[in-house]
Every structure is written in structure tokens, then in C-alpha cells.
Amino acid sequence: MKVGEMEARGSKTLVAGDPVRQPSWLVWTLMKVFRIVLLTVMWAGIGMGLGLFSGIVVLLVRSLIVHTTPDMSLAYRHVSIPLAITTGSCAFFWNVVRSCQVAVARYKSKQRAAA
């Protein structure tokens, strides 16, 4: 198959095949919920790791300047955990909004296909 034929058919692959069936609403909803939970936990973990790293660096620099022993529990309490909560909640709300947008687009495309 030539590239011109592929573009005319709207295909992006060289293999001609049957269109893939859309999953049912239950499977689609479970996939989206799993994705939201997975990405929320992932971004919260990344935020906690970066917050802990930056908190430790700041505490070490501060202790070197002031010539005191750093209390590393402050890195967890005041930097890492709030940053994990912030990044996790931002990721949660972002993914919920995007899933709702995709659901609306899916609903509209089904309505157009049925008409």
C-alpha cells in the first residue's frame, strides 16, 4: 500500500485491518478510574521524592551556614508531605477533568455515529 492510499483511507499503518471495537462503558470506566488512581499515586510519589530531596538540601545548606545540627524530620514534615499532597491533588483533579473531556467527546462521537 502506498502512502497516498493510506492518507486517503485515513490509515496510519501499513497493515489493513478491521477497526477495533470500543470497550463497553463499564470496562471504559474501570480503565479510567485505574488510570486516575495510578497517575495520582505516581505524581504524589514523585512530589514526595522531590520534596524530600529539596528539603534535605535546604536543611544541610542552612545547617552549614548557621553551624548547627540539622533536624531532618523537618524535611518530611514541612516540605515533603505538603508537596506530595499538592502534587497528588493536582494530578487527581487534572486527570478527572481530562477523563470528563474524553467521556464527553466519546459520547458525542457515539451520537454522531448513531445518527
PDB file of N, CA and C in Angstrom:
ATOM      1  N   MET A   1       0.853  -1.163   0.000  1.00  0.00           N
ATOM      2  CA  MET A   1       0.000   0.000   0.000  1.00  0.00           C
ATOM      3  C   MET A   1       0.899   1.227   0.000  1.00  0.00           C
ATOM      4  N   LYS A   2       0.535   2.202  -0.781  1.00  0.00           N
ATOM      5  CA  LYS A   2       1.342   3.415  -0.889  1.00  0.00           C
ATOM      6  C   LYS A   2       0.872   4.438   0.134  1.00  0.00           C
ATOM      7  N   VAL A   3       1.718   5.418   0.371  1.00  0.00           N
ATOM      8  CA  VAL A   3       1.415   6.444   1.364  1.00  0.00           C
ATOM      9  C   VAL A   3       0.175   7.222   0.961  1.00  0.00           C
ATOM     10  N   GLY A   4      -0.003   7.496  -0.312  1.00  0.00           N
ATOM     11  CA  GLY A   4      -1.188   8.227  -0.782  1.00  0.00           C
ATOM     12  C   GLY A   4      -2.474   7.465  -0.498  1.00  0.00           C
ATOM     13  N   GLU A   5      -2.437   6.156  -0.665  1.00  0.00           N
ATOM     14  CA  GLU A   5      -3.612   5.343  -0.362  1.00  0.00           C
ATOM     15  C   GLU A   5      -3.899   5.340   1.127  1.00  0.00           C
ATOM     16  N   MET A   6      -2.841   5.304   1.922  1.00  0.00           N
ATOM     17  CA  MET A   6      -3.023   5.320   3.372  1.00  0.00           C
ATOM     18  C   MET A   6      -3.670   6.629   3.812  1.00  0.00           C
ATOM     19  N   GLU A   7      -3.198   7.747   3.262  1.00  0.00           N
ATOM     20  CA  GLU A   7      -3.762   9.042   3.629  1.00  0.00           C
ATOM     21  C   GLU A   7      -5.209   9.149   3.176  1.00  0.00           C
ATOM     22  N   ALA A   8      -5.532   8.607   2.026  1.00  0.00           N
ATOM     23  CA  ALA A   8      -6.899   8.675   1.524  1.00  0.00           C
ATOM     24  C   ALA A   8      -7.850   7.881   2.419  1.00  0.00           C
ATOM     25  N   ARG A   9      -7.368   6.755   2.965  1.00  0.00           N
ATOM     26  CA  ARG A   9      -8.213   5.947   3.847  1.00  0.00           C
ATOM     27  C   ARG A   9      -8.180   6.427   5.287  1.00  0.00           C
ATOM     28  N   GLY A  10      -7.253   7.326   5.623  1.00  0.00           N
ATOM     29  CA  GLY A  10      -7.121   7.777   7.000  1.00  0.00           C
ATOM     30  C   GLY A  10      -6.358   6.798   7.863  1.00  0.00           C
ATOM     31  N   SER A  11      -5.607   5.901   7.239  1.00  0.00           N
ATOM     32  CA  SER A  11      -4.868   4.892   7.982  1.00  0.00           C
ATOM     33  C   SER A  11      -3.470   5.391   8.290  1.00  0.00           C
ATOM     34  N   LYS A  12      -2.952   4.988   9.448  1.00  0.00           N
ATOM     35  CA  LYS A  12      -1.601   5.362   9.825  1.00  0.00           C
ATOM     36  C   LYS A  12      -0.679   4.159   9.870  1.00  0.00           C
ATOM     37  N   THR A  13      -1.177   3.004   9.491  1.00  0.00           N
ATOM     38  CA  THR A  13      -0.342   1.810   9.480  1.00  0.00           C
ATOM     39  C   THR A  13      -0.372   1.199   8.099  1.00  0.00           C
ATOM     40  N   LEU A  14       0.597   0.350   7.837  1.00  0.00           N
ATOM     41  CA  LEU A  14       0.658  -0.319   6.543  1.00  0.00           C
ATOM     42  C   LEU A  14      -0.230  -1.553   6.496  1.00  0.00           C
ATOM     43  N   VAL A  15      -0.688  -2.016   7.665  1.00  0.00           N
ATOM     44  CA  VAL A  15      -1.494  -3.225   7.723  1.00  0.00           C
ATOM     45  C   VAL A  15      -2.970  -2.847   7.656  1.00  0.00           C
ATOM     46  N   ALA A  16      -3.660  -3.405   6.680  1.00  0.00           N
ATOM     47  CA  ALA A  16      -5.094  -3.169   6.594  1.00  0.00           C
ATOM     48  C   ALA A  16      -5.786  -4.133   7.532  1.00  0.00           C
ATOM     49  N   GLY A  17      -6.675  -3.619   8.373  1.00  0.00           N
ATOM     50  CA  GLY A  17      -7.349  -4.487   9.330  1.00  0.00           C
ATOM     51  C   GLY A  17      -8.714  -3.966   9.681  1.00  0.00           C
ATOM     52  N   ASP A  18      -9.417  -4.767  10.443  1.00  0.00           N
ATOM     53  CA  ASP A  18     -10.740  -4.355  10.901  1.00  0.00           C
ATOM     54  C   ASP A  18     -10.602  -3.293  11.986  1.00  0.00           C
ATOM     55  N   PRO A  19     -11.550  -2.383  12.063  1.00  0.00           N
ATOM     56  CA  PRO A  19     -11.483  -1.394  13.135  1.00  0.00           C
ATOM     57  C   PRO A  19     -11.643  -2.056  14.500  1.00  0.00           C
ATOM     58  N   VAL A  20     -10.989  -1.495  15.496  1.00  0.00           N
ATOM     59  CA  VAL A  20     -11.018  -2.049  16.841  1.00  0.00           C
ATOM     60  C   VAL A  20     -12.334  -1.654  17.507  1.00  0.00           C
ATOM     61  N   ARG A  21     -12.956  -2.629  18.171  1.00  0.00           N
ATOM     62  CA  ARG A  21     -14.208  -2.332  18.875  1.00  0.00           C
ATOM     63  C   ARG A  21     -13.934  -1.453  20.079  1.00  0.00           C
ATOM     64  N   GLN A  22     -14.867  -0.564  20.348  1.00  0.00           N
ATOM     65  CA  GLN A  22     -14.775   0.260  21.549  1.00  0.00           C
ATOM     66  C   GLN A  22     -15.160  -0.588  22.756  1.00  0.00           C
ATOM     67  N   PRO A  23     -14.478  -0.403  23.894  1.00  0.00           N
ATOM     68  CA  PRO A  23     -14.855  -1.170  25.081  1.00  0.00           C
ATOM     69  C   PRO A  23     -16.207  -0.706  25.618  1.00  0.00           C
ATOM     70  N   SER A  24     -16.854  -1.564  26.374  1.00  0.00           N
ATOM     71  CA  SER A  24     -18.150  -1.199  26.951  1.00  0.00           C
ATOM     72  C   SER A  24     -17.948  -0.088  27.971  1.00  0.00           C
ATOM     73  N   TRP A  25     -19.048   0.530  28.373  1.00  0.00           N
ATOM     74  CA  TRP A  25     -18.957   1.668  29.296  1.00  0.00           C
ATOM     75  C   TRP A  25     -18.374   1.245  30.635  1.00  0.00           C
ATOM     76  N   LEU A  26     -18.658   0.012  31.073  1.00  0.00           N
ATOM     77  CA  LEU A  26     -18.137  -0.465  32.351  1.00  0.00           C
ATOM     78  C   LEU A  26     -16.619  -0.646  32.291  1.00  0.00           C
ATOM     79  N   VAL A  27     -16.137  -1.293  31.247  1.00  0.00           N
ATOM     80  CA  VAL A  27     -14.702  -1.503  31.088  1.00  0.00           C
ATOM     81  C   VAL A  27     -13.999  -0.169  30.898  1.00  0.00           C
ATOM     82  N   TRP A  28     -14.585   0.723  30.116  1.00  0.00           N
ATOM     83  CA  TRP A  28     -14.006   2.040  29.872  1.00  0.00           C
ATOM     84  C   TRP A  28     -13.905   2.833  31.175  1.00  0.00           C
ATOM     85  N   THR A  29     -14.960   2.776  31.997  1.00  0.00           N
ATOM     86  CA  THR A  29     -14.959   3.491  33.275  1.00  0.00           C
ATOM     87  C   THR A  29     -13.913   2.913  34.222  1.00  0.00           C
ATOM     88  N   LEU A  30     -13.809   1.601  34.292  1.00  0.00           N
ATOM     89  CA  LEU A  30     -12.791   0.977  35.146  1.00  0.00           C
ATOM     90  C   LEU A  30     -11.377   1.324  34.692  1.00  0.00           C
ATOM     91  N   MET A  31     -11.170   1.377  33.382  1.00  0.00           N
ATOM     92  CA  MET A  31      -9.854   1.764  32.870  1.00  0.00           C
ATOM     93  C   MET A  31      -9.518   3.196  33.268  1.00  0.00           C
ATOM     94  N   LYS A  32     -10.483   4.086  33.161  1.00  0.00           N
ATOM     95  CA  LYS A  32     -10.246   5.490  33.515  1.00  0.00           C
ATOM     96  C   LYS A  32     -10.005   5.652  35.014  1.00  0.00           C
ATOM     97  N   VAL A  33     -10.766   4.948  35.839  1.00  0.00           N
ATOM     98  CA  VAL A  33     -10.581   5.036  37.292  1.00  0.00           C
ATOM     99  C   VAL A  33      -9.204   4.497  37.667  1.00  0.00           C
ATOM    100  N   PHE A  34      -8.803   3.376  37.087  1.00  0.00           N
ATOM    101  CA  PHE A  34      -7.482   2.817  37.358  1.00  0.00           C
ATOM    102  C   PHE A  34      -6.392   3.793  36.936  1.00  0.00           C
ATOM    103  N   ARG A  35      -6.567   4.422  35.785  1.00  0.00           N
ATOM    104  CA  ARG A  35      -5.591   5.392  35.294  1.00  0.00           C
ATOM    105  C   ARG A  35      -5.493   6.589  36.230  1.00  0.00           C
ATOM    106  N   ILE A  36      -6.625   7.090  36.693  1.00  0.00           N
ATOM    107  CA  ILE A  36      -6.629   8.239  37.602  1.00  0.00           C
ATOM    108  C   ILE A  36      -5.907   7.894  38.900  1.00  0.00           C
ATOM    109  N   VAL A  37      -6.215   6.742  39.464  1.00  0.00           N
ATOM    110  CA  VAL A  37      -5.581   6.341  40.730  1.00  0.00           C
ATOM    111  C   VAL A  37      -4.081   6.129  40.529  1.00  0.00           C
ATOM    112  N   LEU A  38      -3.709   5.451  39.466  1.00  0.00           N
ATOM    113  CA  LEU A  38      -2.299   5.175  39.204  1.00  0.00           C
ATOM    114  C   LEU A  38      -1.503   6.465  39.021  1.00  0.00           C
ATOM    115  N   LEU A  39      -2.011   7.387  38.222  1.00  0.00           N
ATOM    116  CA  LEU A  39      -1.285   8.632  37.985  1.00  0.00           C
ATOM    117  C   LEU A  39      -1.259   9.515  39.223  1.00  0.00           C
ATOM    118  N   THR A  40      -2.324   9.488  40.019  1.00  0.00           N
ATOM    119  CA  THR A  40      -2.325  10.270  41.256  1.00  0.00           C
ATOM    120  C   THR A  40      -1.255   9.766  42.211  1.00  0.00           C
ATOM    121  N   VAL A  41      -1.175   8.454  42.385  1.00  0.00           N
ATOM    122  CA  VAL A  41      -0.164   7.880  43.274  1.00  0.00           C
ATOM    123  C   VAL A  41       1.247   8.131  42.730  1.00  0.00           C
ATOM    124  N   MET A  42       1.395   8.008  41.422  1.00  0.00           N
ATOM    125  CA  MET A  42       2.708   8.227  40.817  1.00  0.00           C
ATOM    126  C   MET A  42       3.175   9.668  41.023  1.00  0.00           C
ATOM    127  N   TRP A  43       2.316  10.643  40.743  1.00  0.00           N
ATOM    128  CA  TRP A  43       2.705  12.051  40.900  1.00  0.00           C
ATOM    129  C   TRP A  43       2.890  12.421  42.362  1.00  0.00           C
ATOM    130  N   ALA A  44       2.100  11.832  43.255  1.00  0.00           N
ATOM    131  CA  ALA A  44       2.313  12.089  44.685  1.00  0.00           C
ATOM    132  C   ALA A  44       3.666  11.546  45.125  1.00  0.00           C
ATOM    133  N   GLY A  45       4.047  10.384  44.628  1.00  0.00           N
ATOM    134  CA  GLY A  45       5.353   9.815  44.953  1.00  0.00           C
ATOM    135  C   GLY A  45       6.500  10.644  44.409  1.00  0.00           C
ATOM    136  N   ILE A  46       6.340  11.124  43.174  1.00  0.00           N
ATOM    137  CA  ILE A  46       7.367  11.994  42.592  1.00  0.00           C
ATOM    138  C   ILE A  46       7.481  13.282  43.392  1.00  0.00           C
ATOM    139  N   GLY A  47       6.342  13.854  43.777  1.00  0.00           N
ATOM    140  CA  GLY A  47       6.359  15.076  44.578  1.00  0.00           C
ATOM    141  C   GLY A  47       7.000  14.860  45.930  1.00  0.00           C
ATOM    142  N   MET A  48       6.718  13.726  46.534  1.00  0.00           N
ATOM    143  CA  MET A  48       7.316  13.436  47.840  1.00  0.00           C
ATOM    144  C   MET A  48       8.826  13.253  47.708  1.00  0.00           C
ATOM    145  N   GLY A  49       9.251  12.566  46.686  1.00  0.00           N
ATOM    146  CA  GLY A  49      10.688  12.373  46.481  1.00  0.00           C
ATOM    147  C   GLY A  49      11.420  13.681  46.226  1.00  0.00           C
ATOM    148  N   LEU A  50      10.866  14.503  45.346  1.00  0.00           N
ATOM    149  CA  LEU A  50      11.500  15.797  45.067  1.00  0.00           C
ATOM    150  C   LEU A  50      11.446  16.714  46.282  1.00  0.00           C
ATOM    151  N   GLY A  51      10.339  16.676  47.020  1.00  0.00           N
ATOM    152  CA  GLY A  51      10.225  17.489  48.225  1.00  0.00           C
ATOM    153  C   GLY A  51      11.219  17.058  49.289  1.00  0.00           C
ATOM    154  N   LEU A  52      11.383  15.766  49.442  1.00  0.00           N
ATOM    155  CA  LEU A  52      12.341  15.262  50.430  1.00  0.00           C
ATOM    156  C   LEU A  52      13.766  15.636  50.038  1.00  0.00           C
ATOM    157  N   PHE A  53      14.091  15.471  48.776  1.00  0.00           N
ATOM    158  CA  PHE A  53      15.427  15.827  48.308  1.00  0.00           C
ATOM    159  C   PHE A  53      15.703  17.317  48.511  1.00  0.00           C
ATOM    160  N   SER A  54      14.764  18.150  48.078  1.00  0.00           N
ATOM    161  CA  SER A  54      14.994  19.595  48.217  1.00  0.00           C
ATOM    162  C   SER A  54      14.997  20.010  49.689  1.00  0.00           C
ATOM    163  N   GLY A  55      14.150  19.401  50.515  1.00  0.00           N
ATOM    164  CA  GLY A  55      14.148  19.715  51.937  1.00  0.00           C
ATOM    165  C   GLY A  55      15.457  19.352  52.612  1.00  0.00           C
ATOM    166  N   ILE A  56      16.011  18.201  52.266  1.00  0.00           N
ATOM    167  CA  ILE A  56      17.293  17.788  52.831  1.00  0.00           C
ATOM    168  C   ILE A  56      18.400  18.732  52.391  1.00  0.00           C
ATOM    169  N   VAL A  57      18.418  19.096  51.119  1.00  0.00           N
ATOM    170  CA  VAL A  57      19.448  20.012  50.623  1.00  0.00           C
ATOM    171  C   VAL A  57      19.354  21.363  51.329  1.00  0.00           C
ATOM    172  N   VAL A  58      18.137  21.889  51.452  1.00  0.00           N
ATOM    173  CA  VAL A  58      17.967  23.181  52.120  1.00  0.00           C
ATOM    174  C   VAL A  58      18.395  23.097  53.582  1.00  0.00           C
ATOM    175  N   LEU A  59      18.007  22.028  54.278  1.00  0.00           N
ATOM    176  CA  LEU A  59      18.402  21.884  55.681  1.00  0.00           C
ATOM    177  C   LEU A  59      19.914  21.739  55.840  1.00  0.00           C
ATOM    178  N   LEU A  60      20.551  21.012  54.928  1.00  0.00           N
ATOM    179  CA  LEU A  60      22.006  20.872  55.008  1.00  0.00           C
ATOM    180  C   LEU A  60      22.713  22.202  54.757  1.00  0.00           C
ATOM    181  N   VAL A  61      22.246  22.934  53.761  1.00  0.00           N
ATOM    182  CA  VAL A  61      22.851  24.238  53.474  1.00  0.00           C
ATOM    183  C   VAL A  61      22.651  25.182  54.649  1.00  0.00           C
ATOM    184  N   ARG A  62      21.449  25.180  55.207  1.00  0.00           N
ATOM    185  CA  ARG A  62      21.161  26.047  56.353  1.00  0.00           C
ATOM    186  C   ARG A  62      22.031  25.669  57.550  1.00  0.00           C
ATOM    187  N   SER A  63      22.184  24.373  57.791  1.00  0.00           N
ATOM    188  CA  SER A  63      22.996  23.947  58.937  1.00  0.00           C
ATOM    189  C   SER A  63      24.474  24.279  58.733  1.00  0.00           C
ATOM    190  N   LEU A  64      24.947  24.253  57.486  1.00  0.00           N
ATOM    191  CA  LEU A  64      26.326  24.644  57.216  1.00  0.00           C
ATOM    192  C   LEU A  64      26.530  26.140  57.439  1.00  0.00           C
ATOM    193  N   ILE A  65      25.539  26.931  57.095  1.00  0.00           N
ATOM    194  CA  ILE A  65      25.651  28.383  57.270  1.00  0.00           C
ATOM    195  C   ILE A  65      25.575  28.766  58.744  1.00  0.00           C
ATOM    196  N   VAL A  66      24.627  28.153  59.482  1.00  0.00           N
ATOM    197  CA  VAL A  66      24.392  28.516  60.886  1.00  0.00           C
ATOM    198  C   VAL A  66      25.287  27.723  61.837  1.00  0.00           C
ATOM    199  N   HIS A  67      25.938  26.677  61.353  1.00  0.00           N
ATOM    200  CA  HIS A  67      26.802  25.804  62.157  1.00  0.00           C
ATOM    201  C   HIS A  67      26.023  25.095  63.272  1.00  0.00           C
ATOM    202  N   THR A  68      24.898  24.447  62.868  1.00  0.00           N
ATOM    203  CA  THR A  68      24.111  23.648  63.806  1.00  0.00           C
ATOM    204  C   THR A  68      23.871  22.271  63.210  1.00  0.00           C
ATOM    205  N   THR A  69      23.363  21.382  64.039  1.00  0.00           N
ATOM    206  CA  THR A  69      22.996  20.044  63.559  1.00  0.00           C
ATOM    207  C   THR A  69      21.581  20.105  62.984  1.00  0.00           C
ATOM    208  N   PRO A  70      21.400  19.637  61.748  1.00  0.00           N
ATOM    209  CA  PRO A  70      20.062  19.738  61.143  1.00  0.00           C
ATOM    210  C   PRO A  70      19.105  18.693  61.698  1.00  0.00           C
ATOM    211  N   ASP A  71      17.845  19.082  61.825  1.00  0.00           N
ATOM    212  CA  ASP A  71      16.782  18.154  62.229  1.00  0.00           C
ATOM    213  C   ASP A  71      16.096  17.686  60.947  1.00  0.00           C
ATOM    214  N   MET A  72      16.455  16.498  60.490  1.00  0.00           N
ATOM    215  CA  MET A  72      15.978  16.004  59.195  1.00  0.00           C
ATOM    216  C   MET A  72      14.484  15.684  59.174  1.00  0.00           C
ATOM    217  N   SER A  73      13.875  15.552  60.343  1.00  0.00           N
ATOM    218  CA  SER A  73      12.429  15.299  60.342  1.00  0.00           C
ATOM    219  C   SER A  73      11.662  16.504  59.799  1.00  0.00           C
ATOM    220  N   LEU A  74      12.270  17.678  59.826  1.00  0.00           N
ATOM    221  CA  LEU A  74      11.625  18.865  59.255  1.00  0.00           C
ATOM    222  C   LEU A  74      11.470  18.740  57.739  1.00  0.00           C
ATOM    223  N   ALA A  75      12.400  18.018  57.115  1.00  0.00           N
ATOM    224  CA  ALA A  75      12.307  17.821  55.663  1.00  0.00           C
ATOM    225  C   ALA A  75      11.055  17.035  55.308  1.00  0.00           C
ATOM    226  N   TYR A  76      10.699  16.063  56.150  1.00  0.00           N
ATOM    227  CA  TYR A  76       9.458  15.315  55.916  1.00  0.00           C
ATOM    228  C   TYR A  76       8.238  16.156  56.248  1.00  0.00           C
ATOM    229  N   ARG A  77       8.225  16.720  57.448  1.00  0.00           N
ATOM    230  CA  ARG A  77       7.014  17.388  57.950  1.00  0.00           C
ATOM    231  C   ARG A  77       6.651  18.656  57.199  1.00  0.00           C
ATOM    232  N   HIS A  78       7.652  19.465  56.866  1.00  0.00           N
ATOM    233  CA  HIS A  78       7.346  20.789  56.338  1.00  0.00           C
ATOM    234  C   HIS A  78       7.544  20.932  54.830  1.00  0.00           C
ATOM    235  N   VAL A  79       8.185  19.972  54.206  1.00  0.00           N
ATOM    236  CA  VAL A  79       8.427  20.094  52.770  1.00  0.00           C
ATOM    237  C   VAL A  79       7.840  18.914  52.005  1.00  0.00           C
ATOM    238  N   SER A  80       8.260  17.724  52.358  1.00  0.00           N
ATOM    239  CA  SER A  80       7.955  16.548  51.560  1.00  0.00           C
ATOM    240  C   SER A  80       6.472  16.188  51.556  1.00  0.00           C
ATOM    241  N   ILE A  81       5.866  16.089  52.708  1.00  0.00           N
ATOM    242  CA  ILE A  81       4.458  15.676  52.777  1.00  0.00           C
ATOM    243  C   ILE A  81       3.515  16.726  52.174  1.00  0.00           C
ATOM    244  N   PRO A  82       3.694  18.032  52.483  1.00  0.00           N
ATOM    245  CA  PRO A  82       2.825  19.011  51.808  1.00  0.00           C
ATOM    246  C   PRO A  82       2.990  19.024  50.294  1.00  0.00           C
ATOM    247  N   LEU A  83       4.220  18.839  49.804  1.00  0.00           N
ATOM    248  CA  LEU A  83       4.427  18.811  48.361  1.00  0.00           C
ATOM    249  C   LEU A  83       3.794  17.566  47.735  1.00  0.00           C
ATOM    250  N   ALA A  84       3.852  16.431  48.429  1.00  0.00           N
ATOM    251  CA  ALA A  84       3.211  15.210  47.925  1.00  0.00           C
ATOM    252  C   ALA A  84       1.693  15.387  47.865  1.00  0.00           C
ATOM    253  N   ILE A  85       1.122  16.007  48.880  1.00  0.00           N
ATOM    254  CA  ILE A  85      -0.323  16.248  48.881  1.00  0.00           C
ATOM    255  C   ILE A  85      -0.708  17.200  47.749  1.00  0.00           C
ATOM    256  N   THR A  86       0.094  18.226  47.549  1.00  0.00           N
ATOM    257  CA  THR A  86      -0.193  19.199  46.496  1.00  0.00           C
ATOM    258  C   THR A  86      -0.098  18.570  45.113  1.00  0.00           C
ATOM    259  N   THR A  87       0.995  17.870  44.836  1.00  0.00           N
ATOM    260  CA  THR A  87       1.141  17.269  43.510  1.00  0.00           C
ATOM    261  C   THR A  87       0.124  16.159  43.278  1.00  0.00           C
ATOM    262  N   GLY A  88      -0.172  15.375  44.301  1.00  0.00           N
ATOM    263  CA  GLY A  88      -1.174  14.313  44.153  1.00  0.00           C
ATOM    264  C   GLY A  88      -2.560  14.871  43.884  1.00  0.00           C
ATOM    265  N   SER A  89      -2.942  15.925  44.592  1.00  0.00           N
ATOM    266  CA  SER A  89      -4.274  16.505  44.366  1.00  0.00           C
ATOM    267  C   SER A  89      -4.352  17.197  43.012  1.00  0.00           C
ATOM    268  N   CYS A  90      -3.270  17.853  42.588  1.00  0.00           N
ATOM    269  CA  CYS A  90      -3.263  18.466  41.255  1.00  0.00           C
ATOM    270  C   CYS A  90      -3.382  17.400  40.167  1.00  0.00           C
ATOM    271  N   ALA A  91      -2.652  16.312  40.331  1.00  0.00           N
ATOM    272  CA  ALA A  91      -2.726  15.222  39.352  1.00  0.00           C
ATOM    273  C   ALA A  91      -4.122  14.606  39.334  1.00  0.00           C
ATOM    274  N   PHE A  92      -4.732  14.444  40.505  1.00  0.00           N
ATOM    275  CA  PHE A  92      -6.069  13.876  40.582  1.00  0.00           C
ATOM    276  C   PHE A  92      -7.079  14.756  39.837  1.00  0.00           C
ATOM    277  N   PHE A  93      -7.092  16.045  40.157  1.00  0.00           N
ATOM    278  CA  PHE A  93      -8.060  16.929  39.513  1.00  0.00           C
ATOM    279  C   PHE A  93      -7.802  17.068  38.018  1.00  0.00           C
ATOM    280  N   TRP A  94      -6.532  17.130  37.616  1.00  0.00           N
ATOM    281  CA  TRP A  94      -6.214  17.217  36.192  1.00  0.00           C
ATOM    282  C   TRP A  94      -6.723  15.981  35.449  1.00  0.00           C
ATOM    283  N   ASN A  95      -6.503  14.809  35.999  1.00  0.00           N
ATOM    284  CA  ASN A  95      -6.928  13.581  35.326  1.00  0.00           C
ATOM    285  C   ASN A  95      -8.445  13.412  35.332  1.00  0.00           C
ATOM    286  N   VAL A  96      -9.112  13.879  36.380  1.00  0.00           N
ATOM    287  CA  VAL A  96     -10.576  13.822  36.388  1.00  0.00           C
ATOM    288  C   VAL A  96     -11.136  14.727  35.299  1.00  0.00           C
ATOM    289  N   VAL A  97     -10.592  15.934  35.181  1.00  0.00           N
ATOM    290  CA  VAL A  97     -11.065  16.867  34.146  1.00  0.00           C
ATOM    291  C   VAL A  97     -10.811  16.296  32.762  1.00  0.00           C
ATOM    292  N   ARG A  98      -9.616  15.761  32.536  1.00  0.00           N
ATOM    293  CA  ARG A  98      -9.304  15.193  31.216  1.00  0.00           C
ATOM    294  C   ARG A  98     -10.190  13.978  30.911  1.00  0.00           C
ATOM    295  N   SER A  99     -10.468  13.147  31.906  1.00  0.00           N
ATOM    296  CA  SER A  99     -11.336  11.996  31.677  1.00  0.00           C
ATOM    297  C   SER A  99     -12.760  12.431  31.344  1.00  0.00           C
ATOM    298  N   CYS A 100     -13.220  13.478  32.000  1.00  0.00           N
ATOM    299  CA  CYS A 100     -14.552  14.003  31.677  1.00  0.00           C
ATOM    300  C   CYS A 100     -14.588  14.559  30.263  1.00  0.00           C
ATOM    301  N   GLN A 101     -13.532  15.243  29.844  1.00  0.00           N
ATOM    302  CA  GLN A 101     -13.486  15.754  28.479  1.00  0.00           C
ATOM    303  C   GLN A 101     -13.496  14.615  27.461  1.00  0.00           C
ATOM    304  N   VAL A 102     -12.751  13.573  27.746  1.00  0.00           N
ATOM    305  CA  VAL A 102     -12.722  12.414  26.847  1.00  0.00           C
ATOM    306  C   VAL A 102     -14.076  11.717  26.825  1.00  0.00           C
ATOM    307  N   ALA A 103     -14.733  11.643  27.978  1.00  0.00           N
ATOM    308  CA  ALA A 103     -16.049  11.000  28.038  1.00  0.00           C
ATOM    309  C   ALA A 103     -17.071  11.780  27.225  1.00  0.00           C
ATOM    310  N   VAL A 104     -17.019  13.088  27.297  1.00  0.00           N
ATOM    311  CA  VAL A 104     -17.942  13.916  26.512  1.00  0.00           C
ATOM    312  C   VAL A 104     -17.667  13.745  25.024  1.00  0.00           C
ATOM    313  N   ALA A 105     -16.390  13.743  24.642  1.00  0.00           N
ATOM    314  CA  ALA A 105     -16.044  13.543  23.234  1.00  0.00           C
ATOM    315  C   ALA A 105     -16.476  12.164  22.753  1.00  0.00           C
ATOM    316  N   ARG A 106     -16.315  11.150  23.597  1.00  0.00           N
ATOM    317  CA  ARG A 106     -16.738   9.793  23.235  1.00  0.00           C
ATOM    318  C   ARG A 106     -18.252   9.719  23.072  1.00  0.00           C
ATOM    319  N   TYR A 107     -18.969  10.390  23.977  1.00  0.00           N
ATOM    320  CA  TYR A 107     -20.429  10.397  23.903  1.00  0.00           C
ATOM    321  C   TYR A 107     -20.896  11.098  22.624  1.00  0.00           C
ATOM    322  N   LYS A 108     -20.264  12.228  22.299  1.00  0.00           N
ATOM    323  CA  LYS A 108     -20.649  12.962  21.091  1.00  0.00           C
ATOM    324  C   LYS A 108     -20.351  12.162  19.834  1.00  0.00           C
ATOM    325  N   SER A 109     -19.207  11.453  19.805  1.00  0.00           N
ATOM    326  CA  SER A 109     -18.886  10.659  18.618  1.00  0.00           C
ATOM    327  C   SER A 109     -19.855   9.480  18.468  1.00  0.00           C
ATOM    328  N   LYS A 110     -20.304   8.910  19.600  1.00  0.00           N
ATOM    329  CA  LYS A 110     -21.304   7.845  19.518  1.00  0.00           C
ATOM    330  C   LYS A 110     -22.626   8.379  19.017  1.00  0.00           C
ATOM    331  N   GLN A 111     -22.978   9.581  19.446  1.00  0.00           N
ATOM    332  CA  GLN A 111     -24.236  10.186  18.997  1.00  0.00           C
ATOM    333  C   GLN A 111     -24.173  10.473  17.493  1.00  0.00           C
ATOM    334  N   ARG A 112     -23.026  10.946  17.010  1.00  0.00           N
ATOM    335  CA  ARG A 112     -22.885  11.217  15.580  1.00  0.00           C
ATOM    336  C   ARG A 112     -22.912   9.923  14.774  1.00  0.00           C
ATOM    337  N   ALA A 113     -22.307   8.859  15.322  1.00  0.00           N
ATOM    338  CA  ALA A 113     -22.283   7.581  14.620  1.00  0.00           C
ATOM    339  C   ALA A 113     -23.664   6.944  14.564  1.00  0.00           C
ATOM    340  N   ALA A 114     -24.463   7.171  15.609  1.00  0.00           N
ATOM    341  CA  ALA A 114     -25.809   6.595  15.638  1.00  0.00           C
ATOM    342  C   ALA A 114     -26.762   7.343  14.712  1.00  0.00           C
ATOM    343  N   ALA A 115     -26.484   8.607  14.450  1.00  0.00           N
ATOM    344  CA  ALA A 115     -27.394   9.420  13.611  1.00  0.00           C
ATOM    345  C   ALA A 115     -27.203   9.176  12.146  1.00  0.00           C
TER     346      ALA A 115
END
